[in-house]
PDB file of N, CA and C in Angstrom:
ATOM      1  N   MET A   1      14.463 -41.040  11.068  1.00  0.00           N
ATOM      2  CA  MET A   1      14.548 -42.257  11.858  1.00  0.00           C
ATOM      3  C   MET A   1      14.038 -41.974  13.270  1.00  0.00           C
ATOM      4  N   SER A   2      13.109 -42.771  13.739  1.00  0.00           N
ATOM      5  CA  SER A   2      12.528 -42.538  15.054  1.00  0.00           C
ATOM      6  C   SER A   2      13.393 -43.173  16.142  1.00  0.00           C
ATOM      7  N   HIS A   3      13.278 -42.611  17.316  1.00  0.00           N
ATOM      8  CA  HIS A   3      14.008 -43.107  18.472  1.00  0.00           C
ATOM      9  C   HIS A   3      13.033 -43.830  19.389  1.00  0.00           C
ATOM     10  N   ALA A   4      13.195 -45.130  19.544  1.00  0.00           N
ATOM     11  CA  ALA A   4      12.324 -45.899  20.433  1.00  0.00           C
ATOM     12  C   ALA A   4      12.752 -45.687  21.881  1.00  0.00           C
ATOM     13  N   PHE A   5      11.771 -45.690  22.752  1.00  0.00           N
ATOM     14  CA  PHE A   5      12.028 -45.556  24.181  1.00  0.00           C
ATOM     15  C   PHE A   5      11.997 -46.937  24.818  1.00  0.00           C
ATOM     16  N   GLU A   6      12.766 -47.121  25.867  1.00  0.00           N
ATOM     17  CA  GLU A   6      12.768 -48.390  26.588  1.00  0.00           C
ATOM     18  C   GLU A   6      11.799 -48.297  27.765  1.00  0.00           C
ATOM     19  N   VAL A   7      10.944 -49.309  27.875  1.00  0.00           N
ATOM     20  CA  VAL A   7       9.997 -49.399  28.988  1.00  0.00           C
ATOM     21  C   VAL A   7      10.411 -50.605  29.825  1.00  0.00           C
ATOM     22  N   THR A   8      10.541 -50.396  31.116  1.00  0.00           N
ATOM     23  CA  THR A   8      10.913 -51.471  32.041  1.00  0.00           C
ATOM     24  C   THR A   8       9.781 -51.676  33.025  1.00  0.00           C
ATOM     25  N   GLU A   9       9.314 -52.919  33.144  1.00  0.00           N
ATOM     26  CA  GLU A   9       8.310 -53.245  34.156  1.00  0.00           C
ATOM     27  C   GLU A   9       9.086 -53.678  35.399  1.00  0.00           C
ATOM     28  N   GLN A  10       8.942 -52.926  36.474  1.00  0.00           N
ATOM     29  CA  GLN A  10       9.740 -53.070  37.693  1.00  0.00           C
ATOM     30  C   GLN A  10       9.669 -54.464  38.319  1.00  0.00           C
ATOM     31  N   ARG A  11       8.488 -55.011  38.490  1.00  0.00           N
ATOM     32  CA  ARG A  11       8.326 -56.294  39.211  1.00  0.00           C
ATOM     33  C   ARG A  11       8.950 -57.465  38.465  1.00  0.00           C
ATOM     34  N   SER A  12       8.724 -57.531  37.158  1.00  0.00           N
ATOM     35  CA  SER A  12       9.205 -58.671  36.377  1.00  0.00           C
ATOM     36  C   SER A  12      10.593 -58.445  35.802  1.00  0.00           C
ATOM     37  N   GLY A  13      10.989 -57.178  35.688  1.00  0.00           N
ATOM     38  CA  GLY A  13      12.268 -56.859  35.054  1.00  0.00           C
ATOM     39  C   GLY A  13      12.194 -56.892  33.534  1.00  0.00           C
ATOM     40  N   ILE A  14      11.008 -57.149  32.978  1.00  0.00           N
ATOM     41  CA  ILE A  14      10.845 -57.206  31.517  1.00  0.00           C
ATOM     42  C   ILE A  14      11.064 -55.815  30.937  1.00  0.00           C
ATOM     43  N   ARG A  15      11.820 -55.775  29.843  1.00  0.00           N
ATOM     44  CA  ARG A  15      12.098 -54.523  29.127  1.00  0.00           C
ATOM     45  C   ARG A  15      11.648 -54.680  27.682  1.00  0.00           C
ATOM     46  N   PHE A  16      11.088 -53.607  27.144  1.00  0.00           N
ATOM     47  CA  PHE A  16      10.712 -53.620  25.728  1.00  0.00           C
ATOM     48  C   PHE A  16      10.789 -52.205  25.190  1.00  0.00           C
ATOM     49  N   HIS A  17      10.789 -52.111  23.868  1.00  0.00           N
ATOM     50  CA  HIS A  17      10.887 -50.810  23.209  1.00  0.00           C
ATOM     51  C   HIS A  17       9.516 -50.332  22.751  1.00  0.00           C
ATOM     52  N   CYS A  18       9.350 -49.024  22.824  1.00  0.00           N
ATOM     53  CA  CYS A  18       8.099 -48.390  22.436  1.00  0.00           C
ATOM     54  C   CYS A  18       8.432 -47.214  21.520  1.00  0.00           C
ATOM     55  N   GLU A  19       7.851 -47.224  20.344  1.00  0.00           N
ATOM     56  CA  GLU A  19       8.079 -46.153  19.379  1.00  0.00           C
ATOM     57  C   GLU A  19       7.348 -44.882  19.796  1.00  0.00           C
ATOM     58  N   PRO A  20       7.855 -43.724  19.429  1.00  0.00           N
ATOM     59  CA  PRO A  20       7.124 -42.479  19.702  1.00  0.00           C
ATOM     60  C   PRO A  20       5.717 -42.550  19.100  1.00  0.00           C
ATOM     61  N   GLY A  21       4.724 -42.118  19.863  1.00  0.00           N
ATOM     62  CA  GLY A  21       3.342 -42.144  19.395  1.00  0.00           C
ATOM     63  C   GLY A  21       2.646 -43.481  19.564  1.00  0.00           C
ATOM     64  N   GLN A  22       3.348 -44.477  20.089  1.00  0.00           N
ATOM     65  CA  GLN A  22       2.778 -45.808  20.299  1.00  0.00           C
ATOM     66  C   GLN A  22       2.466 -45.972  21.790  1.00  0.00           C
ATOM     67  N   SER A  23       1.329 -46.587  22.099  1.00  0.00           N
ATOM     68  CA  SER A  23       1.003 -46.802  23.513  1.00  0.00           C
ATOM     69  C   SER A  23       1.897 -47.895  24.089  1.00  0.00           C
ATOM     70  N   VAL A  24       2.121 -47.817  25.379  1.00  0.00           N
ATOM     71  CA  VAL A  24       2.933 -48.813  26.074  1.00  0.00           C
ATOM     72  C   VAL A  24       2.318 -50.204  25.901  1.00  0.00           C
ATOM     73  N   LEU A  25       1.001 -50.304  26.020  1.00  0.00           N
ATOM     74  CA  LEU A  25       0.345 -51.607  25.896  1.00  0.00           C
ATOM     75  C   LEU A  25       0.516 -52.202  24.496  1.00  0.00           C
ATOM     76  N   LYS A  26       0.338 -51.378  23.478  1.00  0.00           N
ATOM     77  CA  LYS A  26       0.478 -51.859  22.097  1.00  0.00           C
ATOM     78  C   LYS A  26       1.908 -52.333  21.825  1.00  0.00           C
ATOM     79  N   ALA A  27       2.890 -51.581  22.307  1.00  0.00           N
ATOM     80  CA  ALA A  27       4.288 -51.973  22.119  1.00  0.00           C
ATOM     81  C   ALA A  27       4.564 -53.314  22.791  1.00  0.00           C
ATOM     82  N   MET A  28       4.062 -53.472  24.013  1.00  0.00           N
ATOM     83  CA  MET A  28       4.252 -54.722  24.747  1.00  0.00           C
ATOM     84  C   MET A  28       3.634 -55.893  23.979  1.00  0.00           C
ATOM     85  N   GLU A  29       2.404 -55.722  23.521  1.00  0.00           N
ATOM     86  CA  GLU A  29       1.715 -56.798  22.796  1.00  0.00           C
ATOM     87  C   GLU A  29       2.422 -57.136  21.484  1.00  0.00           C
ATOM     88  N   GLN A  30       2.861 -56.127  20.752  1.00  0.00           N
ATOM     89  CA  GLN A  30       3.518 -56.371  19.460  1.00  0.00           C
ATOM     90  C   GLN A  30       4.809 -57.163  19.611  1.00  0.00           C
ATOM     91  N   GLN A  31       5.405 -57.096  20.797  1.00  0.00           N
ATOM     92  CA  GLN A  31       6.639 -57.832  21.044  1.00  0.00           C
ATOM     93  C   GLN A  31       6.392 -59.170  21.732  1.00  0.00           C
ATOM     94  N   GLY A  32       5.102 -59.555  21.826  1.00  0.00           N
ATOM     95  CA  GLY A  32       4.744 -60.860  22.373  1.00  0.00           C
ATOM     96  C   GLY A  32       4.944 -60.994  23.871  1.00  0.00           C
ATOM     97  N   LEU A  33       4.940 -59.876  24.586  1.00  0.00           N
ATOM     98  CA  LEU A  33       5.162 -59.904  26.029  1.00  0.00           C
ATOM     99  C   LEU A  33       3.833 -59.823  26.776  1.00  0.00           C
ATOM    100  N   LYS A  34       3.858 -60.232  28.046  1.00  0.00           N
ATOM    101  CA  LYS A  34       2.625 -60.251  28.842  1.00  0.00           C
ATOM    102  C   LYS A  34       2.872 -59.756  30.259  1.00  0.00           C
ATOM    103  N   CYS A  35       3.568 -58.644  30.400  1.00  0.00           N
ATOM    104  CA  CYS A  35       3.846 -58.136  31.754  1.00  0.00           C
ATOM    105  C   CYS A  35       2.748 -57.226  32.281  1.00  0.00           C
ATOM    106  N   VAL A  36       1.811 -56.821  31.425  1.00  0.00           N
ATOM    107  CA  VAL A  36       0.683 -55.974  31.829  1.00  0.00           C
ATOM    108  C   VAL A  36      -0.601 -56.673  31.394  1.00  0.00           C
ATOM    109  N   PRO A  37      -1.600 -56.800  32.280  1.00  0.00           N
ATOM    110  CA  PRO A  37      -2.865 -57.416  31.882  1.00  0.00           C
ATOM    111  C   PRO A  37      -3.539 -56.608  30.767  1.00  0.00           C
ATOM    112  N   VAL A  38      -4.211 -57.298  29.863  1.00  0.00           N
ATOM    113  CA  VAL A  38      -4.852 -56.653  28.716  1.00  0.00           C
ATOM    114  C   VAL A  38      -6.363 -56.810  28.826  1.00  0.00           C
ATOM    115  N   GLY A  39      -7.062 -55.709  28.601  1.00  0.00           N
ATOM    116  CA  GLY A  39      -8.523 -55.734  28.618  1.00  0.00           C
ATOM    117  C   GLY A  39      -9.056 -55.180  27.314  1.00  0.00           C
ATOM    118  N   CYS A  40      -9.756 -54.066  27.408  1.00  0.00           N
ATOM    119  CA  CYS A  40     -10.449 -53.505  26.241  1.00  0.00           C
ATOM    120  C   CYS A  40      -9.544 -52.761  25.262  1.00  0.00           C
ATOM    121  N   ARG A  41      -8.369 -52.364  25.698  1.00  0.00           N
ATOM    122  CA  ARG A  41      -7.404 -51.604  24.886  1.00  0.00           C
ATOM    123  C   ARG A  41      -7.878 -50.201  24.542  1.00  0.00           C
ATOM    124  N   GLY A  42      -8.945 -49.737  25.172  1.00  0.00           N
ATOM    125  CA  GLY A  42      -9.493 -48.434  24.830  1.00  0.00           C
ATOM    126  C   GLY A  42      -9.622 -47.453  25.982  1.00  0.00           C
ATOM    127  N   GLY A  43      -9.047 -47.765  27.135  1.00  0.00           N
ATOM    128  CA  GLY A  43      -9.080 -46.842  28.256  1.00  0.00           C
ATOM    129  C   GLY A  43     -10.304 -46.932  29.136  1.00  0.00           C
ATOM    130  N   GLY A  44     -11.155 -47.948  28.918  1.00  0.00           N
ATOM    131  CA  GLY A  44     -12.402 -48.012  29.665  1.00  0.00           C
ATOM    132  C   GLY A  44     -12.508 -49.073  30.731  1.00  0.00           C
ATOM    133  N   CYS A  45     -11.668 -50.104  30.689  1.00  0.00           N
ATOM    134  CA  CYS A  45     -11.869 -51.221  31.621  1.00  0.00           C
ATOM    135  C   CYS A  45     -10.956 -51.192  32.840  1.00  0.00           C
ATOM    136  N   GLY A  46      -9.809 -50.559  32.744  1.00  0.00           N
ATOM    137  CA  GLY A  46      -8.899 -50.466  33.880  1.00  0.00           C
ATOM    138  C   GLY A  46      -7.980 -51.648  34.090  1.00  0.00           C
ATOM    139  N   PHE A  47      -8.043 -52.664  33.252  1.00  0.00           N
ATOM    140  CA  PHE A  47      -7.209 -53.853  33.433  1.00  0.00           C
ATOM    141  C   PHE A  47      -5.721 -53.550  33.331  1.00  0.00           C
ATOM    142  N   CYS A  48      -5.332 -52.641  32.462  1.00  0.00           N
ATOM    143  CA  CYS A  48      -3.912 -52.397  32.201  1.00  0.00           C
ATOM    144  C   CYS A  48      -3.351 -51.284  33.080  1.00  0.00           C
ATOM    145  N   LYS A  49      -3.919 -51.113  34.261  1.00  0.00           N
ATOM    146  CA  LYS A  49      -3.473 -50.052  35.169  1.00  0.00           C
ATOM    147  C   LYS A  49      -2.041 -50.307  35.624  1.00  0.00           C
ATOM    148  N   VAL A  50      -1.224 -49.275  35.525  1.00  0.00           N
ATOM    149  CA  VAL A  50       0.166 -49.323  35.958  1.00  0.00           C
ATOM    150  C   VAL A  50       0.480 -48.035  36.716  1.00  0.00           C
ATOM    151  N   ILE A  51       1.580 -48.055  37.415  1.00  0.00           N
ATOM    152  CA  ILE A  51       2.103 -46.853  38.057  1.00  0.00           C
ATOM    153  C   ILE A  51       3.403 -46.514  37.354  1.00  0.00           C
ATOM    154  N   VAL A  52       3.523 -45.285  36.892  1.00  0.00           N
ATOM    155  CA  VAL A  52       4.771 -44.840  36.264  1.00  0.00           C
ATOM    156  C   VAL A  52       5.688 -44.382  37.390  1.00  0.00           C
ATOM    157  N   LEU A  53       6.811 -45.084  37.536  1.00  0.00           N
ATOM    158  CA  LEU A  53       7.769 -44.780  38.589  1.00  0.00           C
ATOM    159  C   LEU A  53       8.774 -43.724  38.146  1.00  0.00           C
ATOM    160  N   SER A  54       9.107 -43.725  36.854  1.00  0.00           N
ATOM    161  CA  SER A  54      10.011 -42.707  36.334  1.00  0.00           C
ATOM    162  C   SER A  54       9.808 -42.561  34.836  1.00  0.00           C
ATOM    163  N   GLY A  55      10.106 -41.361  34.349  1.00  0.00           N
ATOM    164  CA  GLY A  55      10.002 -41.075  32.923  1.00  0.00           C
ATOM    165  C   GLY A  55       8.872 -40.118  32.616  1.00  0.00           C
ATOM    166  N   ASP A  56       8.884 -39.626  31.391  1.00  0.00           N
ATOM    167  CA  ASP A  56       7.877 -38.678  30.922  1.00  0.00           C
ATOM    168  C   ASP A  56       6.990 -39.339  29.878  1.00  0.00           C
ATOM    169  N   TYR A  57       5.728 -38.942  29.861  1.00  0.00           N
ATOM    170  CA  TYR A  57       4.760 -39.540  28.952  1.00  0.00           C
ATOM    171  C   TYR A  57       3.601 -38.588  28.733  1.00  0.00           C
ATOM    172  N   GLU A  58       2.867 -38.845  27.669  1.00  0.00           N
ATOM    173  CA  GLU A  58       1.599 -38.157  27.407  1.00  0.00           C
ATOM    174  C   GLU A  58       0.484 -39.148  27.673  1.00  0.00           C
ATOM    175  N   CYS A  59      -0.666 -38.625  28.089  1.00  0.00           N
ATOM    176  CA  CYS A  59      -1.822 -39.480  28.358  1.00  0.00           C
ATOM    177  C   CYS A  59      -2.942 -39.202  27.369  1.00  0.00           C
ATOM    178  N   GLY A  60      -3.590 -40.269  26.939  1.00  0.00           N
ATOM    179  CA  GLY A  60      -4.825 -40.157  26.201  1.00  0.00           C
ATOM    180  C   GLY A  60      -5.985 -40.201  27.187  1.00  0.00           C
ATOM    181  N   LYS A  61      -7.186 -40.219  26.662  1.00  0.00           N
ATOM    182  CA  LYS A  61      -8.394 -40.243  27.491  1.00  0.00           C
ATOM    183  C   LYS A  61      -8.512 -41.583  28.217  1.00  0.00           C
ATOM    184  N   MET A  62      -8.782 -41.503  29.544  1.00  0.00           N
ATOM    185  CA  MET A  62      -8.938 -42.693  30.373  1.00  0.00           C
ATOM    186  C   MET A  62     -10.215 -42.576  31.192  1.00  0.00           C
ATOM    187  N   SER A  63     -10.811 -43.698  31.522  1.00  0.00           N
ATOM    188  CA  SER A  63     -12.006 -43.723  32.365  1.00  0.00           C
ATOM    189  C   SER A  63     -11.672 -43.188  33.752  1.00  0.00           C
ATOM    190  N   LYS A  64     -12.413 -42.187  34.204  1.00  0.00           N
ATOM    191  CA  LYS A  64     -12.200 -41.628  35.549  1.00  0.00           C
ATOM    192  C   LYS A  64     -12.681 -42.591  36.628  1.00  0.00           C
ATOM    193  N   VAL A  65     -13.435 -43.595  36.240  1.00  0.00           N
ATOM    194  CA  VAL A  65     -13.855 -44.628  37.183  1.00  0.00           C
ATOM    195  C   VAL A  65     -12.627 -45.444  37.605  1.00  0.00           C
ATOM    196  N   HIS A  66     -11.720 -45.689  36.661  1.00  0.00           N
ATOM    197  CA  HIS A  66     -10.551 -46.526  36.923  1.00  0.00           C
ATOM    198  C   HIS A  66      -9.307 -45.721  37.275  1.00  0.00           C
ATOM    199  N   VAL A  67      -9.228 -44.494  36.796  1.00  0.00           N
ATOM    200  CA  VAL A  67      -8.091 -43.621  37.108  1.00  0.00           C
ATOM    201  C   VAL A  67      -8.651 -42.255  37.492  1.00  0.00           C
ATOM    202  N   THR A  68      -8.721 -42.026  38.784  1.00  0.00           N
ATOM    203  CA  THR A  68      -9.226 -40.748  39.279  1.00  0.00           C
ATOM    204  C   THR A  68      -8.158 -39.671  39.076  1.00  0.00           C
ATOM    205  N   PRO A  69      -8.545 -38.411  39.074  1.00  0.00           N
ATOM    206  CA  PRO A  69      -7.541 -37.350  38.964  1.00  0.00           C
ATOM    207  C   PRO A  69      -6.476 -37.446  40.069  1.00  0.00           C
ATOM    208  N   GLU A  70      -6.868 -37.856  41.260  1.00  0.00           N
ATOM    209  CA  GLU A  70      -5.920 -37.997  42.366  1.00  0.00           C
ATOM    210  C   GLU A  70      -4.925 -39.125  42.103  1.00  0.00           C
ATOM    211  N   SER A  71      -5.415 -40.267  41.635  1.00  0.00           N
ATOM    212  CA  SER A  71      -4.504 -41.387  41.369  1.00  0.00           C
ATOM    213  C   SER A  71      -3.618 -41.080  40.160  1.00  0.00           C
ATOM    214  N   ARG A  72      -4.158 -40.376  39.180  1.00  0.00           N
ATOM    215  CA  ARG A  72      -3.358 -39.997  38.008  1.00  0.00           C
ATOM    216  C   ARG A  72      -2.214 -39.070  38.419  1.00  0.00           C
ATOM    217  N   ALA A  73      -2.484 -38.168  39.363  1.00  0.00           N
ATOM    218  CA  ALA A  73      -1.448 -37.261  39.857  1.00  0.00           C
ATOM    219  C   ALA A  73      -0.329 -38.031  40.565  1.00  0.00           C
ATOM    220  N   CYS A  74      -0.623 -39.226  41.053  1.00  0.00           N
ATOM    221  CA  CYS A  74       0.377 -40.076  41.713  1.00  0.00           C
ATOM    222  C   CYS A  74       1.058 -41.031  40.733  1.00  0.00           C
ATOM    223  N   GLY A  75       0.792 -40.873  39.436  1.00  0.00           N
ATOM    224  CA  GLY A  75       1.440 -41.706  38.423  1.00  0.00           C
ATOM    225  C   GLY A  75       0.670 -42.933  38.004  1.00  0.00           C
ATOM    226  N   GLU A  76      -0.543 -43.112  38.503  1.00  0.00           N
ATOM    227  CA  GLU A  76      -1.350 -44.275  38.142  1.00  0.00           C
ATOM    228  C   GLU A  76      -2.082 -43.980  36.838  1.00  0.00           C
ATOM    229  N   VAL A  77      -1.856 -44.823  35.845  1.00  0.00           N
ATOM    230  CA  VAL A  77      -2.409 -44.603  34.509  1.00  0.00           C
ATOM    231  C   VAL A  77      -2.744 -45.946  33.858  1.00  0.00           C
ATOM    232  N   LEU A  78      -3.355 -45.902  32.694  1.00  0.00           N
ATOM    233  CA  LEU A  78      -3.640 -47.116  31.925  1.00  0.00           C
ATOM    234  C   LEU A  78      -2.600 -47.250  30.823  1.00  0.00           C
ATOM    235  N   ALA A  79      -1.985 -48.414  30.730  1.00  0.00           N
ATOM    236  CA  ALA A  79      -0.911 -48.638  29.752  1.00  0.00           C
ATOM    237  C   ALA A  79      -1.397 -48.470  28.317  1.00  0.00           C
ATOM    238  N   CYS A  80      -2.674 -48.677  28.079  1.00  0.00           N
ATOM    239  CA  CYS A  80      -3.217 -48.518  26.725  1.00  0.00           C
ATOM    240  C   CYS A  80      -3.352 -47.046  26.330  1.00  0.00           C
ATOM    241  N   ARG A  81      -3.192 -46.150  27.296  1.00  0.00           N
ATOM    242  CA  ARG A  81      -3.410 -44.725  27.043  1.00  0.00           C
ATOM    243  C   ARG A  81      -2.213 -43.850  27.390  1.00  0.00           C
ATOM    244  N   ILE A  82      -1.032 -44.462  27.554  1.00  0.00           N
ATOM    245  CA  ILE A  82       0.155 -43.629  27.764  1.00  0.00           C
ATOM    246  C   ILE A  82       1.144 -43.831  26.627  1.00  0.00           C
ATOM    247  N   TYR A  83       1.777 -42.729  26.271  1.00  0.00           N
ATOM    248  CA  TYR A  83       2.698 -42.664  25.145  1.00  0.00           C
ATOM    249  C   TYR A  83       4.005 -42.060  25.647  1.00  0.00           C
ATOM    250  N   PRO A  84       5.083 -42.849  25.690  1.00  0.00           N
ATOM    251  CA  PRO A  84       6.341 -42.370  26.257  1.00  0.00           C
ATOM    252  C   PRO A  84       6.934 -41.169  25.510  1.00  0.00           C
ATOM    253  N   LEU A  85       7.537 -40.284  26.292  1.00  0.00           N
ATOM    254  CA  LEU A  85       8.327 -39.174  25.759  1.00  0.00           C
ATOM    255  C   LEU A  85       9.786 -39.363  26.151  1.00  0.00           C
ATOM    256  N   SER A  86      10.039 -40.390  26.981  1.00  0.00           N
ATOM    257  CA  SER A  86      11.385 -40.761  27.425  1.00  0.00           C
ATOM    258  C   SER A  86      11.324 -42.230  27.829  1.00  0.00           C
ATOM    259  N   ASN A  87      12.437 -42.780  28.271  1.00  0.00           N
ATOM    260  CA  ASN A  87      12.408 -44.130  28.822  1.00  0.00           C
ATOM    261  C   ASN A  87      11.502 -44.120  30.046  1.00  0.00           C
ATOM    262  N   LEU A  88      10.767 -45.220  30.262  1.00  0.00           N
ATOM    263  CA  LEU A  88       9.837 -45.314  31.385  1.00  0.00           C
ATOM    264  C   LEU A  88      10.146 -46.525  32.250  1.00  0.00           C
ATOM    265  N   THR A  89       9.906 -46.374  33.538  1.00  0.00           N
ATOM    266  CA  THR A  89       9.865 -47.511  34.454  1.00  0.00           C
ATOM    267  C   THR A  89       8.451 -47.533  35.010  1.00  0.00           C
ATOM    268  N   ILE A  90       7.791 -48.677  34.833  1.00  0.00           N
ATOM    269  CA  ILE A  90       6.415 -48.813  35.295  1.00  0.00           C
ATOM    270  C   ILE A  90       6.330 -49.973  36.279  1.00  0.00           C
ATOM    271  N   GLU A  91       5.270 -49.964  37.070  1.00  0.00           N
ATOM    272  CA  GLU A  91       4.998 -51.098  37.943  1.00  0.00           C
ATOM    273  C   GLU A  91       3.563 -51.523  37.683  1.00  0.00           C
ATOM    274  N   CYS A  92       3.414 -52.762  37.332  1.00  0.00           N
ATOM    275  CA  CYS A  92       2.094 -53.300  37.025  1.00  0.00           C
ATOM    276  C   CYS A  92       1.384 -53.675  38.308  1.00  0.00           C
ATOM    277  N   ARG A  93       0.059 -53.439  38.336  1.00  0.00           N
ATOM    278  CA  ARG A  93      -0.680 -53.921  39.497  1.00  0.00           C
ATOM    279  C   ARG A  93      -0.767 -55.440  39.376  1.00  0.00           C
ATOM    280  N   PRO A  94      -0.837 -56.152  40.502  1.00  0.00           N
ATOM    281  CA  PRO A  94      -0.873 -57.618  40.443  1.00  0.00           C
ATOM    282  C   PRO A  94      -2.056 -58.129  39.623  1.00  0.00           C
ATOM    283  N   ARG A  95      -1.832 -59.186  38.886  1.00  0.00           N
ATOM    284  CA  ARG A  95      -2.847 -59.788  38.032  1.00  0.00           C
ATOM    285  C   ARG A  95      -4.086 -60.208  38.823  1.00  0.00           C
ATOM    286  N   GLU A  96      -3.909 -60.610  40.075  1.00  0.00           N
ATOM    287  CA  GLU A  96      -5.054 -61.020  40.897  1.00  0.00           C
ATOM    288  C   GLU A  96      -6.062 -59.879  41.009  1.00  0.00           C
ATOM    289  N   SER A  97      -5.570 -58.657  41.136  1.00  0.00           N
ATOM    290  CA  SER A  97      -6.466 -57.500  41.223  1.00  0.00           C
ATOM    291  C   SER A  97      -7.254 -57.338  39.936  1.00  0.00           C
ATOM    292  N   ALA A  98      -6.600 -57.573  38.810  1.00  0.00           N
ATOM    293  CA  ALA A  98      -7.278 -57.466  37.515  1.00  0.00           C
ATOM    294  C   ALA A  98      -8.364 -58.537  37.405  1.00  0.00           C
ATOM    295  N   GLU A  99      -8.074 -59.733  37.865  1.00  0.00           N
ATOM    296  CA  GLU A  99      -9.067 -60.804  37.805  1.00  0.00           C
ATOM    297  C   GLU A  99     -10.256 -60.492  38.712  1.00  0.00           C
ATOM    298  N   MET A 100      -9.997 -59.912  39.885  1.00  0.00           N
ATOM    299  CA  MET A 100     -11.088 -59.544  40.782  1.00  0.00           C
ATOM    300  C   MET A 100     -11.957 -58.474  40.135  1.00  0.00           C
ATOM    301  N   ALA A 101     -11.337 -57.508  39.474  1.00  0.00           N
ATOM    302  CA  ALA A 101     -12.094 -56.455  38.795  1.00  0.00           C
ATOM    303  C   ALA A 101     -12.958 -57.052  37.701  1.00  0.00           C
ATOM    304  N   LYS A 102     -12.432 -58.029  36.975  1.00  0.00           N
ATOM    305  CA  LYS A 102     -13.187 -58.681  35.904  1.00  0.00           C
ATOM    306  C   LYS A 102     -14.399 -59.402  36.485  1.00  0.00           C
ATOM    307  N   GLN A 103     -14.206 -60.099  37.603  1.00  0.00           N
ATOM    308  CA  GLN A 103     -15.303 -60.820  38.236  1.00  0.00           C
ATOM    309  C   GLN A 103     -16.368 -59.825  38.715  1.00  0.00           C
ATOM    310  N   GLN A 104     -15.937 -58.691  39.291  1.00  0.00           N
ATOM    311  CA  GLN A 104     -16.900 -57.705  39.762  1.00  0.00           C
ATOM    312  C   GLN A 104     -17.695 -57.123  38.603  1.00  0.00           C
ATOM    313  N   THR A 105     -17.016 -56.851  37.485  1.00  0.00           N
ATOM    314  CA  THR A 105     -17.685 -56.313  36.301  1.00  0.00           C
ATOM    315  C   THR A 105     -18.702 -57.320  35.775  1.00  0.00           C
ATOM    316  N   THR A 106     -18.314 -58.604  35.730  1.00  0.00           N
ATOM    317  CA  THR A 106     -19.215 -59.653  35.260  1.00  0.00           C
ATOM    318  C   THR A 106     -20.425 -59.767  36.187  1.00  0.00           C
ATOM    319  N   THR A 107     -20.174 -59.707  37.482  1.00  0.00           N
ATOM    320  CA  THR A 107     -21.265 -59.809  38.447  1.00  0.00           C
ATOM    321  C   THR A 107     -22.230 -58.646  38.293  1.00  0.00           C
ATOM    322  N   LYS A 108     -21.721 -57.443  38.144  1.00  0.00           N
ATOM    323  CA  LYS A 108     -22.580 -56.265  38.001  1.00  0.00           C
ATOM    324  C   LYS A 108     -23.431 -56.356  36.745  1.00  0.00           C
ATOM    325  N   SER A 109     -22.837 -56.854  35.652  1.00  0.00           N
ATOM    326  CA  SER A 109     -23.582 -56.887  34.396  1.00  0.00           C
ATOM    327  C   SER A 109     -24.663 -57.966  34.405  1.00  0.00           C
ATOM    328  N   MET A 110     -24.552 -58.924  35.310  1.00  0.00           N
ATOM    329  CA  MET A 110     -25.539 -59.991  35.370  1.00  0.00           C
ATOM    330  C   MET A 110     -26.747 -59.608  36.212  1.00  0.00           C
ATOM    331  N   ARG A 111     -26.618 -58.533  36.984  1.00  0.00           N
ATOM    332  CA  ARG A 111     -27.722 -58.113  37.871  1.00  0.00           C
ATOM    333  C   ARG A 111     -28.832 -57.460  37.116  1.00  0.00           C
TER     334      ARG A 111
END
C-alpha cells in the first residue's frame, strides 16, 4: 500500500494528495484542481513554476531557460517535474506572470 503525500499551495491554501512517483502537477490535475498554471506538462515551457517552501522531492529534467541552476538551488522548480518524497508546501507564481510568458513566447514565434 502506497503512502500519498500532502501538497499544500501556500497562497490559495489548496491541499491535495500526491502518490509516490507522481508529479505534483499530474496529481493536482487528476483531482480537478487549478492552483498551478498548466502548460506543456513536459518541463519545457515554465508555466507550472513553483517555489518549494518545505518538504523533500526529486526533480526530473527541466528547461534551464525557465529554471536556472541558481533558481533551482533556491527551491524554484516546475510542478510537472517534481516528485514528492515527503509532504510539500509550495508557492505558485502568480498567473499573470504565466500569461505574460505565454504572450512573449507567442510574440517570439511570430517573428
